[in-house]
Amino acid sequence: MTIEAVSRQGDDLVIRLYIQPKASRDQIVGLHGDEVKIAITAPPVDGKANAHLAKYLSKQFKVAKGQVNIEKGELGRHKQVRIESPREVPEAISALLA
């Protein structure tokens, strides 16, 4: 059984992420092994990167920040995030659902 970077669970999307903090800009980079690599500008200090990640993902998926839940990896670069009922799915992510 292979682990998928992006999967649907009901109306939700569960995404396995590899985070690159302190990047020059926020962007979905692409696949990094069996995870989706996302670069964010925030530093990994005092939860700033997690808050910034939630805000960035909420904009990408057109949901409220409260609908972006970090399920695993609060303190590391490897995370699992649940997007509750996304209204839009970025092209880079929808390509991985095929």
C-alpha atoms as a PDB file:
ATOM      1  CA  MET A   1       0.000   0.000   0.000  1.00  0.00           C
ATOM      2  CA  THR A   2       1.428   3.348  -0.988  1.00  0.00           C
ATOM      3  CA  ILE A   3       0.858   6.469   1.045  1.00  0.00           C
ATOM      4  CA  GLU A   4      -0.735   9.242  -0.980  1.00  0.00           C
ATOM      5  CA  ALA A   5       0.237  12.864  -0.557  1.00  0.00           C
ATOM      6  CA  VAL A   6      -3.381  13.965  -1.047  1.00  0.00           C
ATOM      7  CA  SER A   7      -6.522  11.984  -0.268  1.00  0.00           C
ATOM      8  CA  ARG A   8     -10.229  12.622   0.079  1.00  0.00           C
ATOM      9  CA  GLN A   9     -12.052  11.665   3.256  1.00  0.00           C
ATOM     10  CA  GLY A  10     -15.713  12.445   2.698  1.00  0.00           C
ATOM     11  CA  ASP A  11     -15.934  16.141   1.828  1.00  0.00           C
ATOM     12  CA  ASP A  12     -12.498  16.846   3.342  1.00  0.00           C
ATOM     13  CA  LEU A  13      -9.015  16.742   1.854  1.00  0.00           C
ATOM     14  CA  VAL A  14      -6.138  15.301   3.866  1.00  0.00           C
ATOM     15  CA  ILE A  15      -2.726  16.469   2.672  1.00  0.00           C
ATOM     16  CA  ARG A  16       0.688  15.262   3.802  1.00  0.00           C
ATOM     17  CA  LEU A  17       3.055  18.234   3.702  1.00  0.00           C
ATOM     18  CA  TYR A  18       6.752  18.994   3.830  1.00  0.00           C
ATOM     19  CA  ILE A  19       7.203  22.626   4.893  1.00  0.00           C
ATOM     20  CA  GLN A  20      10.079  24.891   3.871  1.00  0.00           C
ATOM     21  CA  PRO A  21      10.028  27.895   6.237  1.00  0.00           C
ATOM     22  CA  LYS A  22      11.733  31.249   5.603  1.00  0.00           C
ATOM     23  CA  ALA A  23      11.242  30.999   1.828  1.00  0.00           C
ATOM     24  CA  SER A  24      11.293  34.039  -0.438  1.00  0.00           C
ATOM     25  CA  ARG A  25       7.572  33.623  -1.185  1.00  0.00           C
ATOM     26  CA  ASP A  26       4.605  31.426  -0.337  1.00  0.00           C
ATOM     27  CA  GLN A  27       3.974  28.701  -2.892  1.00  0.00           C
ATOM     28  CA  ILE A  28       3.006  25.102  -3.466  1.00  0.00           C
ATOM     29  CA  VAL A  29       6.285  23.721  -4.836  1.00  0.00           C
ATOM     30  CA  GLY A  30       5.166  20.210  -5.833  1.00  0.00           C
ATOM     31  CA  LEU A  31       5.834  16.670  -4.713  1.00  0.00           C
ATOM     32  CA  HIS A  32       8.674  15.953  -2.275  1.00  0.00           C
ATOM     33  CA  GLY A  33       8.765  12.169  -1.963  1.00  0.00           C
ATOM     34  CA  ASP A  34       5.301  11.170  -0.769  1.00  0.00           C
ATOM     35  CA  GLU A  35       4.444  14.661   0.508  1.00  0.00           C
ATOM     36  CA  VAL A  36       3.464  17.998  -1.020  1.00  0.00           C
ATOM     37  CA  LYS A  37       6.194  20.589  -0.504  1.00  0.00           C
ATOM     38  CA  ILE A  38       5.001  24.046   0.464  1.00  0.00           C
ATOM     39  CA  ALA A  39       7.327  27.005   0.870  1.00  0.00           C
ATOM     40  CA  ILE A  40       6.233  29.724   3.297  1.00  0.00           C
ATOM     41  CA  THR A  41       7.871  32.999   4.249  1.00  0.00           C
ATOM     42  CA  ALA A  42       7.296  32.709   8.012  1.00  0.00           C
ATOM     43  CA  PRO A  43      10.082  31.518  10.330  1.00  0.00           C
ATOM     44  CA  PRO A  44       9.579  28.330  12.385  1.00  0.00           C
ATOM     45  CA  VAL A  45       9.392  30.264  15.668  1.00  0.00           C
ATOM     46  CA  ASP A  46       6.625  30.302  18.301  1.00  0.00           C
ATOM     47  CA  GLY A  47       4.034  28.740  16.005  1.00  0.00           C
ATOM     48  CA  LYS A  48       4.353  31.529  13.429  1.00  0.00           C
ATOM     49  CA  ALA A  49       4.971  29.087  10.581  1.00  0.00           C
ATOM     50  CA  ASN A  50       1.894  27.012  11.491  1.00  0.00           C
ATOM     51  CA  ALA A  51      -0.319  30.107  11.721  1.00  0.00           C
ATOM     52  CA  HIS A  52       1.050  31.391   8.423  1.00  0.00           C
ATOM     53  CA  LEU A  53       0.565  27.975   6.803  1.00  0.00           C
ATOM     54  CA  ALA A  54      -3.073  27.825   7.950  1.00  0.00           C
ATOM     55  CA  LYS A  55      -3.693  31.326   6.580  1.00  0.00           C
ATOM     56  CA  TYR A  56      -2.013  30.496   3.255  1.00  0.00           C
ATOM     57  CA  LEU A  57      -3.916  27.217   2.833  1.00  0.00           C
ATOM     58  CA  SER A  58      -7.216  28.859   3.770  1.00  0.00           C
ATOM     59  CA  LYS A  59      -6.718  31.343   0.922  1.00  0.00           C
ATOM     60  CA  GLN A  60      -5.694  28.627  -1.550  1.00  0.00           C
ATOM     61  CA  PHE A  61      -8.704  26.429  -0.756  1.00  0.00           C
ATOM     62  CA  LYS A  62     -11.153  29.338  -0.185  1.00  0.00           C
ATOM     63  CA  VAL A  63     -12.096  28.259   3.348  1.00  0.00           C
ATOM     64  CA  ALA A  64     -11.991  29.883   6.790  1.00  0.00           C
ATOM     65  CA  LYS A  65      -8.782  29.448   8.793  1.00  0.00           C
ATOM     66  CA  GLY A  66     -10.766  27.329  11.256  1.00  0.00           C
ATOM     67  CA  GLN A  67     -11.358  24.773   8.482  1.00  0.00           C
ATOM     68  CA  VAL A  68      -7.603  24.130   8.143  1.00  0.00           C
ATOM     69  CA  ASN A  69      -6.508  21.695  10.848  1.00  0.00           C
ATOM     70  CA  ILE A  70      -2.962  20.498  11.436  1.00  0.00           C
ATOM     71  CA  GLU A  71      -3.573  16.900  12.511  1.00  0.00           C
ATOM     72  CA  LYS A  72       0.055  15.777  12.812  1.00  0.00           C
ATOM     73  CA  GLY A  73       3.414  17.528  12.929  1.00  0.00           C
ATOM     74  CA  GLU A  74       2.766  20.714  14.905  1.00  0.00           C
ATOM     75  CA  LEU A  75       6.476  21.014  15.736  1.00  0.00           C
ATOM     76  CA  GLY A  76       8.135  19.590  12.627  1.00  0.00           C
ATOM     77  CA  ARG A  77       8.479  20.113   8.886  1.00  0.00           C
ATOM     78  CA  HIS A  78       6.430  16.997   8.116  1.00  0.00           C
ATOM     79  CA  LYS A  79       2.737  17.678   8.671  1.00  0.00           C
ATOM     80  CA  GLN A  80      -0.658  16.230   7.934  1.00  0.00           C
ATOM     81  CA  VAL A  81      -3.341  18.823   7.326  1.00  0.00           C
ATOM     82  CA  ARG A  82      -7.100  18.411   6.924  1.00  0.00           C
ATOM     83  CA  ILE A  83      -8.974  20.949   4.789  1.00  0.00           C
ATOM     84  CA  GLU A  84     -12.672  20.801   5.690  1.00  0.00           C
ATOM     85  CA  SER A  85     -15.020  21.015   2.678  1.00  0.00           C
ATOM     86  CA  PRO A  86     -12.717  23.035   0.384  1.00  0.00           C
ATOM     87  CA  ARG A  87     -14.596  25.352  -1.980  1.00  0.00           C
ATOM     88  CA  GLU A  88     -11.698  25.363  -4.436  1.00  0.00           C
ATOM     89  CA  VAL A  89      -8.713  23.065  -4.971  1.00  0.00           C
ATOM     90  CA  PRO A  90      -5.493  24.570  -6.377  1.00  0.00           C
ATOM     91  CA  GLU A  91      -4.388  23.009  -9.670  1.00  0.00           C
ATOM     92  CA  ALA A  92      -1.140  21.694  -8.143  1.00  0.00           C
ATOM     93  CA  ILE A  93      -3.191  19.736  -5.587  1.00  0.00           C
ATOM     94  CA  SER A  94      -6.018  18.593  -7.865  1.00  0.00           C
ATOM     95  CA  ALA A  95      -3.430  17.066 -10.226  1.00  0.00           C
ATOM     96  CA  LEU A  96      -2.364  14.767  -7.357  1.00  0.00           C
ATOM     97  CA  LEU A  97      -5.937  13.575  -6.789  1.00  0.00           C
ATOM     98  CA  ALA A  98      -6.239  12.038 -10.251  1.00  0.00           C
END
